[in-house]
Amino acid sequence: MSVEVGKALTSLTTKLMLLGCRVSDKEAALELQEPGPVVIGVDRYENAPAIQVARRSYLIVILDGEELQIFLGKKSSDRNEYLY
């Protein structure tokens, strides 16, 4: 069984979201980006290690269930722009 991974900046772009971007996640983010997917880092700390290497990053309090649901689009709200 093979899985196609879409390259960045194409119509088939594969996106991977890391919820929590600690030191151990930094190496994972680097390895995951190698075949071409876009890695999105989400953490509450601006300088979290994996956020430094992710292609896109967002700052939210992940442990706040309501904020996480709003961020993931599962709850309607006047969304703030989380883009960092």
Foldseek 3Di string as FASTA:
>chain_A
DDDDADAPPDPRAAEAEDEAQAPVNLVVQVVVPVVHHQYEYEEQDPPHNNCVVGPWYFHDHCVPVVLVCVVVVNDDDPDDDRTD
